[in-house]
Amino acid sequence: MDLLDIFEKQRRLQFACYPDFMSINTREQRLQDNLKHIIHEVIEVERETNFKHWKQPTRTDWDNIKEELVDVFIFFMNACNEAHLTPAELIDMTIAKQKINEDRKMSGY
């Protein structure tokens, strides 16, 4: 299974599992909803880390972090699907943006 297959499977799951949500809300509303979920899932990842410098650190549970990152990825795929951003475009645009970031770093940006 490749990235295209995973994106398509997620798109089908959204329509199968949440038909009312997918039919009632606009594309923009669905995008906003997924962005909110991404934010909250990222916060859940953060909570798995010792981000509170004033507290006694605890053991980091990397398995839980991985699970939360998968949740982030699922909502990210939903957002990409709503934006009609294909896996191929995502890869191409990421490579282009990495080049911009590298050029900025090398030029003292």
N, C-alpha and C. Protein backbone atom coordinates (compact mmCIF):
# COMPACT_ATOMS: atom_id res chain seq x y z
N MET A 1 0.85 -1.17 0.00
CA MET A 1 0.00 0.00 0.00
C MET A 1 0.90 1.24 0.00
N ASP A 2 0.61 2.19 -0.88
CA ASP A 2 1.40 3.40 -0.94
C ASP A 2 0.58 4.59 -0.43
N LEU A 3 1.18 5.77 -0.48
CA LEU A 3 0.53 6.96 0.06
C LEU A 3 -0.79 7.26 -0.65
N LEU A 4 -0.83 7.08 -1.95
CA LEU A 4 -2.06 7.30 -2.71
C LEU A 4 -3.17 6.39 -2.21
N ASP A 5 -2.84 5.12 -1.98
CA ASP A 5 -3.83 4.16 -1.48
C ASP A 5 -4.33 4.56 -0.10
N ILE A 6 -3.42 5.01 0.75
CA ILE A 6 -3.80 5.39 2.12
C ILE A 6 -4.72 6.62 2.10
N PHE A 7 -4.40 7.61 1.26
CA PHE A 7 -5.25 8.80 1.14
C PHE A 7 -6.63 8.42 0.63
N GLU A 8 -6.67 7.56 -0.39
CA GLU A 8 -7.95 7.15 -0.97
C GLU A 8 -8.77 6.34 0.03
N LYS A 9 -8.11 5.47 0.77
CA LYS A 9 -8.82 4.69 1.78
C LYS A 9 -9.41 5.62 2.84
N GLN A 10 -8.66 6.63 3.26
CA GLN A 10 -9.15 7.57 4.25
C GLN A 10 -10.34 8.37 3.70
N ARG A 11 -10.27 8.76 2.43
CA ARG A 11 -11.39 9.48 1.81
C ARG A 11 -12.66 8.62 1.82
N ARG A 12 -12.51 7.35 1.46
CA ARG A 12 -13.67 6.45 1.46
C ARG A 12 -14.21 6.25 2.87
N LEU A 13 -13.32 6.11 3.85
CA LEU A 13 -13.75 5.95 5.24
C LEU A 13 -14.56 7.14 5.73
N GLN A 14 -14.11 8.34 5.36
CA GLN A 14 -14.84 9.54 5.77
C GLN A 14 -16.28 9.50 5.27
N PHE A 15 -16.46 9.15 4.01
CA PHE A 15 -17.81 9.11 3.44
C PHE A 15 -18.62 7.95 4.01
N ALA A 16 -17.99 6.83 4.27
CA ALA A 16 -18.71 5.66 4.79
C ALA A 16 -19.09 5.84 6.26
N CYS A 17 -18.19 6.38 7.04
CA CYS A 17 -18.41 6.48 8.49
C CYS A 17 -19.16 7.73 8.90
N TYR A 18 -19.04 8.80 8.12
CA TYR A 18 -19.64 10.08 8.50
C TYR A 18 -20.43 10.69 7.34
N PRO A 19 -21.41 9.97 6.81
CA PRO A 19 -22.11 10.47 5.62
C PRO A 19 -22.83 11.80 5.88
N ASP A 20 -23.43 11.98 7.06
CA ASP A 20 -24.13 13.23 7.34
C ASP A 20 -23.15 14.40 7.39
N PHE A 21 -22.05 14.20 8.10
CA PHE A 21 -21.02 15.24 8.20
C PHE A 21 -20.51 15.61 6.81
N MET A 22 -20.30 14.61 5.97
CA MET A 22 -19.74 14.86 4.65
C MET A 22 -20.75 15.52 3.71
N SER A 23 -22.05 15.26 3.91
CA SER A 23 -23.04 15.81 2.99
C SER A 23 -23.61 17.15 3.45
N ILE A 24 -23.70 17.36 4.75
CA ILE A 24 -24.32 18.58 5.27
C ILE A 24 -23.34 19.76 5.24
N ASN A 25 -22.12 19.52 5.65
CA ASN A 25 -21.15 20.60 5.76
C ASN A 25 -20.51 20.92 4.41
N THR A 26 -20.08 22.17 4.28
CA THR A 26 -19.38 22.57 3.07
C THR A 26 -17.94 22.06 3.14
N ARG A 27 -17.28 22.09 2.02
CA ARG A 27 -15.88 21.68 1.95
C ARG A 27 -15.04 22.54 2.92
N GLU A 28 -15.30 23.84 2.94
CA GLU A 28 -14.56 24.72 3.84
C GLU A 28 -14.83 24.38 5.31
N GLN A 29 -16.08 24.09 5.64
CA GLN A 29 -16.41 23.70 7.03
C GLN A 29 -15.71 22.40 7.40
N ARG A 30 -15.67 21.46 6.47
CA ARG A 30 -14.99 20.19 6.76
C ARG A 30 -13.50 20.41 6.94
N LEU A 31 -12.92 21.29 6.13
CA LEU A 31 -11.50 21.61 6.28
C LEU A 31 -11.25 22.23 7.65
N GLN A 32 -12.07 23.20 8.03
CA GLN A 32 -11.92 23.84 9.34
C GLN A 32 -12.02 22.82 10.47
N ASP A 33 -12.97 21.93 10.36
CA ASP A 33 -13.16 20.90 11.38
C ASP A 33 -11.90 20.03 11.51
N ASN A 34 -11.36 19.60 10.38
CA ASN A 34 -10.16 18.77 10.42
C ASN A 34 -8.96 19.54 10.96
N LEU A 35 -8.86 20.82 10.65
CA LEU A 35 -7.76 21.63 11.19
C LEU A 35 -7.86 21.73 12.71
N LYS A 36 -9.07 21.88 13.22
CA LYS A 36 -9.26 21.90 14.69
C LYS A 36 -8.82 20.57 15.30
N HIS A 37 -9.16 19.48 14.64
CA HIS A 37 -8.77 18.17 15.16
C HIS A 37 -7.25 17.99 15.12
N ILE A 38 -6.62 18.50 14.06
CA ILE A 38 -5.15 18.43 13.99
C ILE A 38 -4.54 19.16 15.17
N ILE A 39 -5.03 20.36 15.45
CA ILE A 39 -4.51 21.15 16.59
C ILE A 39 -4.64 20.36 17.88
N HIS A 40 -5.80 19.79 18.13
CA HIS A 40 -6.02 19.07 19.38
C HIS A 40 -5.19 17.79 19.46
N GLU A 41 -5.01 17.13 18.34
CA GLU A 41 -4.18 15.92 18.35
C GLU A 41 -2.71 16.28 18.59
N VAL A 42 -2.25 17.40 18.03
CA VAL A 42 -0.88 17.84 18.29
C VAL A 42 -0.71 18.16 19.78
N ILE A 43 -1.72 18.75 20.38
CA ILE A 43 -1.67 19.02 21.82
C ILE A 43 -1.58 17.71 22.60
N GLU A 44 -2.29 16.69 22.14
CA GLU A 44 -2.19 15.38 22.80
C GLU A 44 -0.77 14.82 22.68
N VAL A 45 -0.12 15.04 21.55
CA VAL A 45 1.28 14.62 21.42
C VAL A 45 2.12 15.38 22.43
N GLU A 46 1.91 16.68 22.50
CA GLU A 46 2.69 17.51 23.44
C GLU A 46 2.50 17.03 24.88
N ARG A 47 1.29 16.66 25.23
CA ARG A 47 1.02 16.20 26.61
C ARG A 47 1.78 14.92 26.95
N GLU A 48 2.17 14.17 25.93
CA GLU A 48 2.95 12.95 26.16
C GLU A 48 4.42 13.26 26.43
N THR A 49 4.81 14.52 26.26
CA THR A 49 6.19 14.91 26.50
C THR A 49 6.29 15.67 27.82
N ASN A 50 7.50 15.90 28.25
CA ASN A 50 7.75 16.65 29.49
C ASN A 50 7.91 18.13 29.16
N PHE A 51 6.83 18.74 28.66
CA PHE A 51 6.92 20.12 28.22
C PHE A 51 6.80 21.13 29.37
N LYS A 52 6.34 20.68 30.52
CA LYS A 52 6.24 21.59 31.68
C LYS A 52 7.55 21.52 32.46
N HIS A 53 8.40 22.51 32.24
CA HIS A 53 9.74 22.49 32.82
C HIS A 53 9.73 22.53 34.34
N TRP A 54 8.64 22.95 34.95
CA TRP A 54 8.57 23.07 36.40
C TRP A 54 8.13 21.79 37.09
N LYS A 55 7.70 20.81 36.29
CA LYS A 55 7.24 19.53 36.87
C LYS A 55 8.35 18.49 36.84
N GLN A 56 8.23 17.54 37.76
CA GLN A 56 9.15 16.41 37.77
C GLN A 56 8.95 15.61 36.48
N PRO A 57 10.00 15.40 35.68
CA PRO A 57 9.82 14.66 34.43
C PRO A 57 9.39 13.21 34.67
N THR A 58 8.60 12.72 33.74
CA THR A 58 8.18 11.32 33.77
C THR A 58 8.73 10.63 32.53
N ARG A 59 8.63 9.32 32.52
CA ARG A 59 9.10 8.56 31.37
C ARG A 59 8.23 8.88 30.15
N THR A 60 8.88 9.18 29.05
CA THR A 60 8.17 9.46 27.80
C THR A 60 7.70 8.15 27.20
N ASP A 61 6.41 8.08 26.91
CA ASP A 61 5.82 6.89 26.32
C ASP A 61 5.78 7.06 24.80
N TRP A 62 6.83 6.58 24.13
CA TRP A 62 6.96 6.77 22.69
C TRP A 62 5.88 6.04 21.91
N ASP A 63 5.35 4.95 22.44
CA ASP A 63 4.25 4.26 21.76
C ASP A 63 3.01 5.14 21.71
N ASN A 64 2.71 5.82 22.83
CA ASN A 64 1.56 6.74 22.84
C ASN A 64 1.80 7.91 21.89
N ILE A 65 3.03 8.42 21.86
CA ILE A 65 3.34 9.51 20.94
C ILE A 65 3.10 9.08 19.51
N LYS A 66 3.53 7.88 19.17
CA LYS A 66 3.31 7.37 17.81
C LYS A 66 1.82 7.28 17.48
N GLU A 67 1.03 6.79 18.43
CA GLU A 67 -0.42 6.69 18.20
C GLU A 67 -1.04 8.06 17.97
N GLU A 68 -0.62 9.04 18.77
CA GLU A 68 -1.15 10.40 18.60
C GLU A 68 -0.71 11.00 17.28
N LEU A 69 0.53 10.73 16.85
CA LEU A 69 0.99 11.23 15.56
C LEU A 69 0.22 10.61 14.41
N VAL A 70 -0.19 9.36 14.56
CA VAL A 70 -1.03 8.73 13.53
C VAL A 70 -2.38 9.46 13.47
N ASP A 71 -2.93 9.82 14.63
CA ASP A 71 -4.18 10.60 14.63
C ASP A 71 -3.99 11.93 13.90
N VAL A 72 -2.87 12.60 14.14
CA VAL A 72 -2.57 13.85 13.44
C VAL A 72 -2.56 13.58 11.93
N PHE A 73 -1.89 12.51 11.53
CA PHE A 73 -1.77 12.19 10.12
C PHE A 73 -3.13 11.91 9.48
N ILE A 74 -4.00 11.21 10.19
CA ILE A 74 -5.34 10.91 9.65
C ILE A 74 -6.11 12.20 9.40
N PHE A 75 -6.11 13.12 10.36
CA PHE A 75 -6.81 14.38 10.14
C PHE A 75 -6.11 15.23 9.08
N PHE A 76 -4.78 15.12 8.99
CA PHE A 76 -4.04 15.80 7.93
C PHE A 76 -4.46 15.28 6.56
N MET A 77 -4.61 13.96 6.43
CA MET A 77 -5.08 13.39 5.17
C MET A 77 -6.47 13.91 4.82
N ASN A 78 -7.34 13.99 5.83
CA ASN A 78 -8.68 14.53 5.60
C ASN A 78 -8.59 15.96 5.07
N ALA A 79 -7.72 16.76 5.68
CA ALA A 79 -7.56 18.16 5.25
C ALA A 79 -7.01 18.21 3.83
N CYS A 80 -6.03 17.38 3.53
CA CYS A 80 -5.49 17.33 2.16
C CYS A 80 -6.57 16.92 1.17
N ASN A 81 -7.36 15.94 1.52
CA ASN A 81 -8.44 15.50 0.64
C ASN A 81 -9.45 16.62 0.40
N GLU A 82 -9.78 17.38 1.45
CA GLU A 82 -10.71 18.50 1.29
C GLU A 82 -10.12 19.57 0.38
N ALA A 83 -8.81 19.79 0.47
CA ALA A 83 -8.14 20.80 -0.37
C ALA A 83 -7.81 20.27 -1.76
N HIS A 84 -8.17 19.02 -2.01
CA HIS A 84 -7.85 18.36 -3.28
C HIS A 84 -6.35 18.36 -3.53
N LEU A 85 -5.59 18.18 -2.46
CA LEU A 85 -4.13 18.08 -2.53
C LEU A 85 -3.78 16.60 -2.60
N THR A 86 -3.34 16.17 -3.76
CA THR A 86 -3.03 14.75 -3.96
C THR A 86 -1.69 14.41 -3.31
N PRO A 87 -1.46 13.13 -3.04
CA PRO A 87 -0.16 12.73 -2.50
C PRO A 87 1.00 13.16 -3.40
N ALA A 88 0.83 13.05 -4.71
CA ALA A 88 1.90 13.47 -5.63
C ALA A 88 2.16 14.96 -5.50
N GLU A 89 1.10 15.76 -5.45
CA GLU A 89 1.27 17.21 -5.27
C GLU A 89 1.90 17.51 -3.92
N LEU A 90 1.47 16.80 -2.90
CA LEU A 90 2.02 16.99 -1.56
C LEU A 90 3.52 16.75 -1.56
N ILE A 91 3.94 15.68 -2.19
CA ILE A 91 5.37 15.36 -2.25
C ILE A 91 6.11 16.43 -3.05
N ASP A 92 5.61 16.78 -4.22
CA ASP A 92 6.27 17.79 -5.06
C ASP A 92 6.35 19.14 -4.35
N MET A 93 5.26 19.54 -3.72
CA MET A 93 5.24 20.84 -3.04
C MET A 93 6.14 20.83 -1.80
N THR A 94 6.22 19.69 -1.14
CA THR A 94 7.11 19.58 0.03
C THR A 94 8.57 19.68 -0.40
N ILE A 95 8.93 19.00 -1.47
CA ILE A 95 10.31 19.08 -1.98
C ILE A 95 10.64 20.52 -2.36
N ALA A 96 9.72 21.19 -3.04
CA ALA A 96 9.94 22.59 -3.43
C ALA A 96 10.09 23.48 -2.20
N LYS A 97 9.25 23.28 -1.20
CA LYS A 97 9.33 24.09 0.02
C LYS A 97 10.61 23.81 0.79
N GLN A 98 11.05 22.56 0.82
CA GLN A 98 12.33 22.23 1.47
C GLN A 98 13.48 22.97 0.80
N LYS A 99 13.42 23.06 -0.52
CA LYS A 99 14.46 23.78 -1.27
C LYS A 99 14.44 25.26 -0.89
N ILE A 100 13.26 25.85 -0.81
CA ILE A 100 13.13 27.26 -0.39
C ILE A 100 13.71 27.44 1.01
N ASN A 101 13.33 26.55 1.92
CA ASN A 101 13.83 26.65 3.30
C ASN A 101 15.35 26.50 3.36
N GLU A 102 15.89 25.57 2.56
CA GLU A 102 17.33 25.38 2.52
C GLU A 102 18.03 26.63 1.98
N ASP A 103 17.47 27.19 0.90
CA ASP A 103 18.05 28.40 0.33
C ASP A 103 17.99 29.56 1.33
N ARG A 104 16.89 29.67 2.04
CA ARG A 104 16.76 30.72 3.05
C ARG A 104 17.82 30.56 4.14
N LYS A 105 17.99 29.34 4.60
CA LYS A 105 18.98 29.08 5.65
C LYS A 105 20.39 29.41 5.18
N MET A 106 20.71 29.01 3.96
CA MET A 106 22.04 29.24 3.42
C MET A 106 22.32 30.72 3.14
N SER A 107 21.24 31.50 2.93
CA SER A 107 21.42 32.94 2.64
C SER A 107 21.27 33.81 3.88
N GLY A 108 21.14 33.17 5.05
CA GLY A 108 21.04 33.92 6.30
C GLY A 108 19.67 34.50 6.59
N TYR A 109 18.66 33.93 6.03
CA TYR A 109 17.26 34.39 6.20
C TYR A 109 16.89 34.52 7.65
